[in-house]
Amino acid sequence: MTSEVAPAGSQIRIRIRMAARPTDEPHRASSQLELLFDLTFVVAIASITAQLAHSIAEGHALDGLIPFFQVFFAIWWAWMNFTWFASSYDTDDVPYRLLTMLQMAGVLVLAAGVQAAVNDGDYRAVTLGYFIMRIGLVAQWLRAGIEDPESRGTALRYAAGISIAEVGWVLRLLLAQAGILPESSLLPIFVGLVILELAVPRWAERRRPTSWHPHHIAERYGLFAIILLGESVLAASTGVEGAINAGGVSGSFLTIAVAGLVLLFALWWLYFLEPAGEGLTRRRELSYLWGYGHYGIFAALAALGAGLEVAVEQTGHHIQVSPVAVCYAVAIPVGVFLVLLWAVHAPIVPRPTIRPAVILAAAAVILLLPLAAERTGPAFVIAMIAAVCALVIVVTIVSPVKRDTRPRGSEVEVPAG
C-alpha cells in the first residue's frame, strides 16, 4: 500500500491512501471512470425526458412538471455530489472504483422507477435508487475522513449531513406509503429536504473547504451539458420517427427538424463561450452559486428535449395540445437556459462574453414568439427561436468583449465565507 495520490493514467492499484488532491494540479481531466459514471445517467435522463414529452403531448404539461423537477433533482444532485467529491479525492483505486460503480447501479434503479413516479406517483424505485447512490457516496466520505486527517472534520460532516437527509427521504416514502402523510404534505416536505440537501455542503465546508479543481469541475459540467444536449437529439429523433411512421413528412416537419438541430448547436456554442474554469479559479467562494445555478440550466436542456420531441411529433398526427403550448414547450426552456447561463457566469467572470442586454433581449423575443403560433404554425416559431439563438452567437463573436488580462491573483477577491 502507498500513501501517494495516483497520477492520471497510472496503472490501477489495489488501494491508495485517500488524500486531498491539489487545486492547481496540471492537466487535470475527467477520468475514464467519470465518463462511464456519466453514461449511466443517460438512461435516467432519457426516461424523465420521455415522460415529460408524453405529459406535454397529452395536454398535461403542468401536471408533469412537478414529478419532472423532483426526479431531475435526484439525478442532478447525485451526479453533482459525486463530481465535486471526485474532484477532491479521486484515487482511482479498487475501493474507489467499486463504490463508484455502486452509485452507478443506483442510477439505473432510479431510472427504472421514473415511469411509475411520473404516472402513478410511486416513488419507491426512485427512492431506492437514490438511497443506493447515497450509500456509496457516504462510504467514500467516511473513507476520506479516516485516511485524510487534515480534512477529517469536513469529510465526516459530509457523511453525517448526507445520511441525515437520506433518512428524511426514506421516512417520507415510508410514511406516505403507510398513509400517515397526507398527499398535500408531500411537496412541502420534498422542498424542505431539498433545502437540507443544498445546505449540507455549506455546513460541511464552513471550516475547511474541499480541494476541488476549478478546471476539472468546469470540464465535468460541460460534459454533463453535452449529455443533456445529446438527450435532446435523442428525444427529437423519437419525434421524427413517430412523425415518419404516421406519414407526416412535410415542409413543417423538415423545418422543425432542421431548426431543432440548429437550436441545439447554438445552445452548445453559447454554453462553451464562457471560460468557466478561469472564473472558478478567480472566485472559488462563488462556486455554490455557479454549481447550484446549473440545476436550472440542466433542467432546461432536458425539458427542451421533451419540447422538441412534441414539436416534431405534432407534424405527423394530431395531438391534444395547442400550437401555442407546443411552441412554449420549446421557448420556455430556451429562454430559461439563456438567462441562467448569463446569470451563473456573470459573478465569476470579470467581463462575461455573453452580454446581459443581448441575452435578455433574446430571451424576451423568444418568449413572445409562441404567441404567433396560431397564425404562423409551430414550424415558423421554432425556426425563429433557432434564428434568435444563432443571432446571439453572431453578435457575440463579431463584437467580442475585451478580456481581463491582469495576472491571476491581481484582482480583488472577496474572502471565502
Protein backbone atom coordinates (compact mmCIF):
# COMPACT_ATOMS: atom_id res chain seq x y z
CA MET A 1 0.00 0.00 0.00
CA THR A 2 1.11 3.51 -0.69
CA SER A 3 0.07 6.91 0.59
CA GLU A 4 0.69 8.84 -2.62
CA VAL A 5 -2.02 10.20 -4.89
CA ALA A 6 -2.36 8.20 -8.08
CA PRO A 7 -1.27 10.20 -11.11
CA ALA A 8 -3.68 10.45 -14.03
CA GLY A 9 -3.47 7.45 -16.30
CA SER A 10 -1.40 5.39 -13.83
CA GLN A 11 -1.83 1.64 -13.56
CA ILE A 12 -4.67 0.66 -11.24
CA ARG A 13 -3.56 -0.24 -7.72
CA ILE A 14 -5.38 -2.22 -5.06
CA ARG A 15 -5.56 0.63 -2.59
CA ILE A 16 -4.10 4.14 -2.34
CA ARG A 17 -4.45 6.31 0.75
CA MET A 18 -7.11 8.88 0.06
CA ALA A 19 -5.83 12.44 0.34
CA ALA A 20 -6.94 15.81 -0.96
CA ARG A 21 -5.70 16.43 -4.49
CA PRO A 22 -4.03 19.79 -5.27
CA THR A 23 -6.28 22.53 -6.58
CA ASP A 24 -3.69 23.52 -9.19
CA GLU A 25 -2.84 20.02 -10.41
CA PRO A 26 -1.69 20.38 -14.05
CA HIS A 27 -3.51 18.68 -16.92
CA ARG A 28 -6.39 17.56 -14.68
CA ALA A 29 -9.07 15.98 -16.83
CA SER A 30 -12.06 13.68 -16.44
CA SER A 31 -11.10 10.06 -15.83
CA GLN A 32 -12.44 7.08 -17.75
CA LEU A 33 -14.43 6.11 -14.66
CA GLU A 34 -16.08 9.53 -14.53
CA LEU A 35 -17.04 9.23 -18.18
CA LEU A 36 -18.58 5.81 -17.51
CA PHE A 37 -20.37 7.26 -14.49
CA ASP A 38 -21.88 9.96 -16.71
CA LEU A 39 -23.16 7.39 -19.19
CA THR A 40 -25.34 5.71 -16.58
CA PHE A 41 -27.20 8.99 -16.19
CA VAL A 42 -28.13 8.91 -19.87
CA VAL A 43 -30.76 6.26 -19.13
CA ALA A 44 -32.33 8.20 -16.26
CA ILE A 45 -32.38 11.48 -18.18
CA ALA A 46 -33.86 9.82 -21.28
CA SER A 47 -36.61 8.30 -19.16
CA ILE A 48 -37.65 11.52 -17.42
CA THR A 49 -37.48 13.46 -20.70
CA ALA A 50 -39.74 10.92 -22.41
CA GLN A 51 -42.28 11.13 -19.58
CA LEU A 52 -42.35 14.93 -19.76
CA ALA A 53 -42.87 14.72 -23.54
CA HIS A 54 -45.87 12.44 -23.02
CA SER A 55 -47.34 14.87 -20.49
CA ILE A 56 -46.93 17.79 -22.91
CA ALA A 57 -48.42 15.87 -25.83
CA GLU A 58 -51.46 14.86 -23.76
CA GLY A 59 -52.08 18.45 -22.68
CA HIS A 60 -50.97 17.90 -19.06
CA ALA A 61 -47.64 19.72 -19.12
CA LEU A 62 -48.20 21.49 -15.79
CA ASP A 63 -49.11 18.21 -14.09
CA GLY A 64 -45.94 16.64 -15.43
CA LEU A 65 -43.62 19.43 -14.32
CA ILE A 66 -43.64 18.66 -10.58
CA PRO A 67 -42.57 15.00 -10.94
CA PHE A 68 -40.11 16.08 -13.64
CA PHE A 69 -38.41 18.59 -11.35
CA GLN A 70 -38.45 16.16 -8.42
CA VAL A 71 -36.88 13.26 -10.27
CA PHE A 72 -34.46 15.51 -12.12
CA PHE A 73 -33.28 16.94 -8.79
CA ALA A 74 -32.40 13.44 -7.59
CA ILE A 75 -30.50 12.78 -10.83
CA TRP A 76 -28.67 16.12 -10.84
CA TRP A 77 -27.86 16.22 -7.13
CA ALA A 78 -26.44 12.69 -7.05
CA TRP A 79 -24.32 13.45 -10.12
CA MET A 80 -23.14 16.76 -8.72
CA ASN A 81 -22.23 15.40 -5.28
CA PHE A 82 -20.07 12.68 -6.77
CA THR A 83 -18.49 15.10 -9.26
CA TRP A 84 -17.28 17.53 -6.59
CA PHE A 85 -16.13 14.67 -4.35
CA ALA A 86 -14.15 13.11 -7.19
CA SER A 87 -12.54 16.45 -7.99
CA SER A 88 -11.06 16.45 -4.49
CA TYR A 89 -10.48 12.78 -3.67
CA ASP A 90 -10.28 10.66 -6.82
CA THR A 91 -7.74 7.91 -6.09
CA ASP A 92 -8.92 5.55 -8.86
CA ASP A 93 -8.03 2.50 -6.80
CA VAL A 94 -10.14 -0.63 -6.37
CA PRO A 95 -12.30 0.53 -3.39
CA TYR A 96 -12.94 3.87 -5.09
CA ARG A 97 -13.98 2.19 -8.33
CA LEU A 98 -16.28 -0.29 -6.60
CA LEU A 99 -18.06 2.40 -4.57
CA THR A 100 -18.47 4.50 -7.69
CA MET A 101 -19.92 1.52 -9.54
CA LEU A 102 -22.36 1.04 -6.66
CA GLN A 103 -23.58 4.57 -7.28
CA MET A 104 -23.94 3.75 -10.98
CA ALA A 105 -26.16 0.81 -10.06
CA GLY A 106 -28.30 3.19 -8.02
CA VAL A 107 -28.74 5.44 -11.06
CA LEU A 108 -30.08 2.52 -13.08
CA VAL A 109 -32.52 1.54 -10.32
CA LEU A 110 -33.71 5.15 -10.18
CA ALA A 111 -34.16 5.20 -13.96
CA ALA A 112 -36.28 2.06 -13.79
CA GLY A 113 -38.70 3.82 -11.44
CA VAL A 114 -39.18 7.06 -13.38
CA GLN A 115 -42.29 5.96 -15.25
CA ALA A 116 -44.02 4.78 -12.08
CA ALA A 117 -43.10 8.01 -10.29
CA VAL A 118 -44.46 10.26 -13.04
CA ASN A 119 -47.57 8.28 -13.98
CA ASP A 120 -48.63 6.78 -10.65
CA GLY A 121 -46.87 8.90 -8.02
CA ASP A 122 -44.98 5.74 -6.94
CA TYR A 123 -41.52 6.84 -5.82
CA ARG A 124 -40.37 3.53 -4.35
CA ALA A 125 -37.86 2.64 -7.07
CA VAL A 126 -36.67 6.26 -7.39
CA THR A 127 -36.12 6.48 -3.63
CA LEU A 128 -34.36 3.10 -3.57
CA GLY A 129 -32.05 4.09 -6.41
CA TYR A 130 -31.25 7.39 -4.72
CA PHE A 131 -30.62 5.51 -1.45
CA ILE A 132 -28.11 3.21 -3.17
CA MET A 133 -26.28 6.20 -4.67
CA ARG A 134 -26.11 7.97 -1.33
CA ILE A 135 -24.84 4.87 0.48
CA GLY A 136 -21.93 4.70 -1.95
CA LEU A 137 -21.12 8.38 -1.52
CA VAL A 138 -21.34 8.27 2.29
CA ALA A 139 -18.90 5.34 2.27
CA GLN A 140 -16.48 7.38 0.18
CA TRP A 141 -16.71 10.37 2.52
CA LEU A 142 -16.13 8.09 5.53
CA ARG A 143 -13.07 6.68 3.84
CA ALA A 144 -11.79 10.21 3.17
CA GLY A 145 -12.37 11.09 6.82
CA ILE A 146 -10.41 8.09 8.00
CA GLU A 147 -7.49 8.36 5.59
CA ASP A 148 -7.09 12.15 5.33
CA PRO A 149 -6.67 13.54 8.88
CA GLU A 150 -6.34 17.17 7.73
CA SER A 151 -9.82 17.14 6.15
CA ARG A 152 -11.42 14.68 8.56
CA GLY A 153 -13.89 17.15 10.01
CA THR A 154 -15.16 18.20 6.60
CA ALA A 155 -15.48 14.62 5.36
CA LEU A 156 -17.32 13.41 8.46
CA ARG A 157 -19.72 16.35 8.35
CA TYR A 158 -20.48 15.47 4.73
CA ALA A 159 -21.14 11.85 5.68
CA ALA A 160 -23.38 12.88 8.58
CA GLY A 161 -25.30 15.50 6.63
CA ILE A 162 -25.95 13.22 3.65
CA SER A 163 -27.04 10.42 5.99
CA ILE A 164 -29.49 12.66 7.86
CA ALA A 165 -31.01 13.87 4.61
CA GLU A 166 -31.30 10.32 3.33
CA VAL A 167 -33.15 9.25 6.48
CA GLY A 168 -35.58 12.05 5.71
CA TRP A 169 -36.17 10.79 2.16
CA VAL A 170 -36.76 7.23 3.34
CA LEU A 171 -39.12 8.34 6.10
CA ARG A 172 -41.05 10.47 3.62
CA LEU A 173 -41.58 7.44 1.41
CA LEU A 174 -42.48 5.05 4.24
CA LEU A 175 -44.91 7.43 5.91
CA ALA A 176 -46.53 8.24 2.58
CA GLN A 177 -46.89 4.54 1.74
CA ALA A 178 -48.46 3.91 5.15
CA GLY A 179 -50.98 6.70 4.60
CA ILE A 180 -49.71 8.70 7.56
CA LEU A 181 -48.61 11.67 5.47
CA PRO A 182 -51.43 13.39 3.56
CA GLU A 183 -50.91 13.90 -0.16
CA SER A 184 -50.85 17.67 0.31
CA SER A 185 -47.79 17.46 2.59
CA LEU A 186 -45.52 15.55 0.21
CA LEU A 187 -44.45 18.53 -1.90
CA PRO A 188 -43.65 20.83 1.08
CA ILE A 189 -41.65 18.00 2.68
CA PHE A 190 -39.82 17.47 -0.60
CA VAL A 191 -38.90 21.17 -0.73
CA GLY A 192 -37.72 21.04 2.88
CA LEU A 193 -35.49 18.04 2.20
CA VAL A 194 -34.08 19.73 -0.91
CA ILE A 195 -33.13 22.75 1.21
CA LEU A 196 -31.47 20.40 3.69
CA GLU A 197 -29.52 18.70 0.91
CA LEU A 198 -28.36 22.03 -0.51
CA ALA A 199 -27.27 23.19 2.95
CA VAL A 200 -25.04 20.18 3.63
CA PRO A 201 -22.03 21.34 1.54
CA ARG A 202 -22.07 24.83 3.06
CA TRP A 203 -22.21 23.37 6.57
CA ALA A 204 -19.61 20.67 5.90
CA GLU A 205 -17.07 23.09 4.39
CA ARG A 206 -17.54 26.00 6.77
CA ARG A 207 -14.11 25.49 8.38
CA ARG A 208 -12.06 23.67 5.77
CA PRO A 209 -13.21 23.69 2.13
CA THR A 210 -12.51 20.73 -0.10
CA SER A 211 -9.75 20.99 -2.69
CA TRP A 212 -11.80 20.73 -5.85
CA HIS A 213 -10.07 21.59 -9.11
CA PRO A 214 -11.74 24.52 -10.95
CA HIS A 215 -10.85 23.45 -14.49
CA HIS A 216 -11.80 19.85 -13.76
CA ILE A 217 -15.18 20.97 -12.40
CA ALA A 218 -15.81 23.20 -15.42
CA GLU A 219 -15.00 20.30 -17.73
CA ARG A 220 -17.29 17.92 -15.82
CA TYR A 221 -20.20 20.36 -16.02
CA GLY A 222 -19.54 20.86 -19.71
CA LEU A 223 -19.63 17.12 -20.30
CA PHE A 224 -22.95 16.83 -18.49
CA ALA A 225 -24.33 19.66 -20.62
CA ILE A 226 -23.27 17.73 -23.73
CA ILE A 227 -25.07 14.65 -22.41
CA LEU A 228 -28.24 16.68 -21.97
CA LEU A 229 -27.93 18.14 -25.46
CA GLY A 230 -27.47 14.60 -26.72
CA GLU A 231 -30.66 13.59 -24.94
CA SER A 232 -32.42 16.42 -26.76
CA VAL A 233 -31.17 14.99 -30.05
CA LEU A 234 -32.48 11.57 -29.00
CA ALA A 235 -35.85 12.97 -27.96
CA ALA A 236 -36.16 14.92 -31.20
CA SER A 237 -35.25 11.83 -33.22
CA THR A 238 -38.01 9.94 -31.38
CA GLY A 239 -40.44 12.61 -32.54
CA VAL A 240 -39.07 12.30 -36.09
CA GLU A 241 -39.58 8.55 -36.01
CA GLY A 242 -43.16 8.99 -34.82
CA ALA A 243 -43.92 11.57 -37.50
CA ILE A 244 -42.44 9.41 -40.27
CA ASN A 245 -44.37 6.36 -39.11
CA ALA A 246 -47.55 8.45 -39.22
CA GLY A 247 -46.76 9.58 -42.77
CA GLY A 248 -46.18 13.12 -41.62
CA VAL A 249 -43.14 14.10 -43.70
CA SER A 250 -43.95 17.65 -44.79
CA GLY A 251 -42.47 21.12 -45.08
CA SER A 252 -43.31 21.80 -41.42
CA PHE A 253 -41.68 18.54 -40.41
CA LEU A 254 -38.44 19.35 -42.21
CA THR A 255 -38.43 22.93 -40.90
CA ILE A 256 -38.80 21.86 -37.28
CA ALA A 257 -36.24 19.09 -37.66
CA VAL A 258 -33.61 21.43 -39.12
CA ALA A 259 -34.46 24.27 -36.72
CA GLY A 260 -34.22 21.91 -33.76
CA LEU A 261 -30.75 20.82 -34.82
CA VAL A 262 -29.63 24.43 -35.36
CA LEU A 263 -31.04 25.32 -31.94
CA LEU A 264 -29.09 22.56 -30.19
CA PHE A 265 -25.89 23.57 -31.99
CA ALA A 266 -26.46 27.19 -30.93
CA LEU A 267 -27.02 26.31 -27.27
CA TRP A 268 -23.87 24.17 -27.26
CA TRP A 269 -21.91 27.05 -28.77
CA LEU A 270 -23.27 29.54 -26.24
CA TYR A 271 -22.58 27.30 -23.25
CA PHE A 272 -18.91 26.95 -24.07
CA LEU A 273 -18.31 30.62 -24.84
CA GLU A 274 -17.69 31.46 -21.17
CA PRO A 275 -14.32 30.47 -19.61
CA ALA A 276 -15.83 28.86 -16.51
CA GLY A 277 -12.56 27.26 -15.38
CA GLU A 278 -10.74 30.59 -15.14
CA GLY A 279 -13.77 32.16 -13.49
CA LEU A 280 -13.93 29.48 -10.80
CA THR A 281 -10.20 29.85 -10.23
CA ARG A 282 -10.66 33.58 -9.56
CA ARG A 283 -13.82 33.32 -7.47
CA ARG A 284 -13.85 30.00 -5.63
CA GLU A 285 -16.15 31.46 -2.99
CA LEU A 286 -18.90 31.80 -5.61
CA SER A 287 -18.76 28.15 -6.63
CA TYR A 288 -22.04 27.40 -4.83
CA LEU A 289 -23.92 29.97 -6.88
CA TRP A 290 -22.37 28.66 -10.09
CA GLY A 291 -22.82 24.99 -9.25
CA TYR A 292 -26.36 25.21 -7.86
CA GLY A 293 -27.48 27.52 -10.66
CA HIS A 294 -26.75 24.76 -13.12
CA TYR A 295 -29.77 22.85 -11.88
CA GLY A 296 -31.93 25.27 -13.84
CA ILE A 297 -29.61 25.17 -16.86
CA PHE A 298 -29.54 21.39 -16.96
CA ALA A 299 -33.27 21.01 -16.28
CA ALA A 300 -33.97 23.46 -19.11
CA LEU A 301 -31.87 21.39 -21.52
CA ALA A 302 -33.70 18.22 -20.51
CA ALA A 303 -37.09 19.91 -20.86
CA LEU A 304 -36.07 21.26 -24.26
CA GLY A 305 -35.63 17.70 -25.49
CA ALA A 306 -39.21 16.92 -24.48
CA GLY A 307 -40.47 20.07 -26.20
CA LEU A 308 -38.66 19.31 -29.45
CA GLU A 309 -39.99 15.75 -29.44
CA VAL A 310 -43.57 17.00 -29.17
CA ALA A 311 -42.98 19.74 -31.76
CA VAL A 312 -41.76 17.22 -34.33
CA GLU A 313 -44.42 14.69 -33.42
CA GLN A 314 -47.29 17.12 -33.96
CA THR A 315 -46.37 17.47 -37.64
CA GLY A 316 -47.22 13.80 -38.20
CA HIS A 317 -50.50 13.41 -36.34
CA HIS A 318 -52.95 15.25 -34.15
CA ILE A 319 -52.04 15.75 -30.50
CA GLN A 320 -54.14 17.17 -27.71
CA VAL A 321 -52.14 20.34 -27.15
CA SER A 322 -52.45 23.68 -28.93
CA PRO A 323 -49.74 25.11 -31.25
CA VAL A 324 -49.06 27.85 -28.69
CA ALA A 325 -48.41 25.27 -25.96
CA VAL A 326 -46.16 23.26 -28.28
CA CYS A 327 -44.08 26.34 -29.02
CA TYR A 328 -43.86 27.35 -25.37
CA ALA A 329 -42.60 23.83 -24.57
CA VAL A 330 -39.56 24.85 -26.65
CA ALA A 331 -39.41 28.60 -25.95
CA ILE A 332 -39.54 28.46 -22.14
CA PRO A 333 -36.60 26.03 -21.74
CA VAL A 334 -34.54 28.04 -24.25
CA GLY A 335 -35.35 31.35 -22.51
CA VAL A 336 -34.53 29.90 -19.09
CA PHE A 337 -31.28 28.44 -20.41
CA LEU A 338 -30.14 31.77 -21.88
CA VAL A 339 -30.93 33.84 -18.78
CA LEU A 340 -29.43 31.36 -16.32
CA LEU A 341 -26.34 30.83 -18.49
CA TRP A 342 -25.57 34.52 -18.18
CA ALA A 343 -26.65 34.73 -14.52
CA VAL A 344 -24.37 31.95 -13.23
CA HIS A 345 -21.32 33.16 -15.14
CA ALA A 346 -21.67 36.92 -14.59
CA PRO A 347 -20.48 36.84 -10.94
CA ILE A 348 -17.37 34.73 -11.63
CA VAL A 349 -16.21 36.19 -14.95
CA PRO A 350 -14.83 39.77 -14.81
CA ARG A 351 -16.23 40.59 -18.26
CA PRO A 352 -18.78 37.98 -19.39
CA THR A 353 -18.64 37.07 -23.05
CA ILE A 354 -22.43 36.93 -23.12
CA ARG A 355 -23.72 40.46 -22.67
CA PRO A 356 -26.78 40.86 -20.45
CA ALA A 357 -28.52 43.26 -22.87
CA VAL A 358 -28.17 40.79 -25.74
CA ILE A 359 -29.17 37.72 -23.76
CA LEU A 360 -32.14 39.33 -22.02
CA ALA A 361 -33.44 40.82 -25.27
CA ALA A 362 -33.10 37.45 -26.98
CA ALA A 363 -34.94 35.69 -24.14
CA ALA A 364 -37.77 38.24 -24.27
CA VAL A 365 -38.20 37.82 -28.02
CA ILE A 366 -38.13 34.03 -27.72
CA LEU A 367 -40.84 34.06 -25.04
CA LEU A 368 -43.05 36.31 -27.17
CA LEU A 369 -42.71 34.32 -30.41
CA PRO A 370 -45.11 31.48 -29.43
CA LEU A 371 -47.99 33.96 -29.30
CA ALA A 372 -47.91 33.95 -33.10
CA ALA A 373 -48.14 30.17 -33.35
CA GLU A 374 -51.87 30.08 -34.09
CA ARG A 375 -51.34 32.20 -37.21
CA THR A 376 -47.93 31.04 -38.41
CA GLY A 377 -47.78 27.49 -37.11
CA PRO A 378 -45.18 25.91 -34.78
CA ALA A 379 -42.62 25.37 -37.56
CA PHE A 380 -42.15 29.08 -38.20
CA VAL A 381 -41.97 29.92 -34.48
CA ILE A 382 -39.37 27.24 -33.70
CA ALA A 383 -37.33 28.31 -36.73
CA MET A 384 -37.37 31.88 -35.40
CA ILE A 385 -36.30 30.70 -31.92
CA ALA A 386 -33.32 28.94 -33.51
CA ALA A 387 -32.56 32.05 -35.58
CA VAL A 388 -32.55 34.28 -32.49
CA CYS A 389 -30.09 31.98 -30.71
CA ALA A 390 -27.88 31.90 -33.80
CA LEU A 391 -28.01 35.71 -33.95
CA VAL A 392 -26.84 35.90 -30.33
CA ILE A 393 -23.78 33.88 -31.30
CA VAL A 394 -23.08 36.11 -34.30
CA VAL A 395 -23.37 39.31 -32.24
CA THR A 396 -21.11 37.85 -29.54
CA ILE A 397 -18.43 36.74 -31.99
CA VAL A 398 -18.47 39.88 -34.12
CA SER A 399 -18.26 42.18 -31.08
CA PRO A 400 -16.06 40.31 -28.61
CA VAL A 401 -15.66 41.56 -25.06
CA LYS A 402 -12.16 42.65 -24.09
CA ARG A 403 -10.88 40.17 -21.56
CA ASP A 404 -9.28 41.00 -18.23
CA THR A 405 -5.59 40.30 -18.88
CA ARG A 406 -4.32 41.02 -15.40
CA PRO A 407 -2.21 38.26 -13.87
CA ARG A 408 -4.14 35.79 -11.78
CA GLY A 409 -4.45 36.97 -8.21
CA SER A 410 -4.05 40.69 -9.05
CA GLU A 411 -7.80 41.26 -8.94
CA VAL A 412 -9.52 42.00 -5.65
CA GLU A 413 -11.35 38.97 -4.30
CA VAL A 414 -13.90 38.58 -1.58
CA PRO A 415 -12.62 36.23 1.10
CA ALA A 416 -14.32 32.85 1.22
CA GLY A 417 -17.04 32.71 3.80
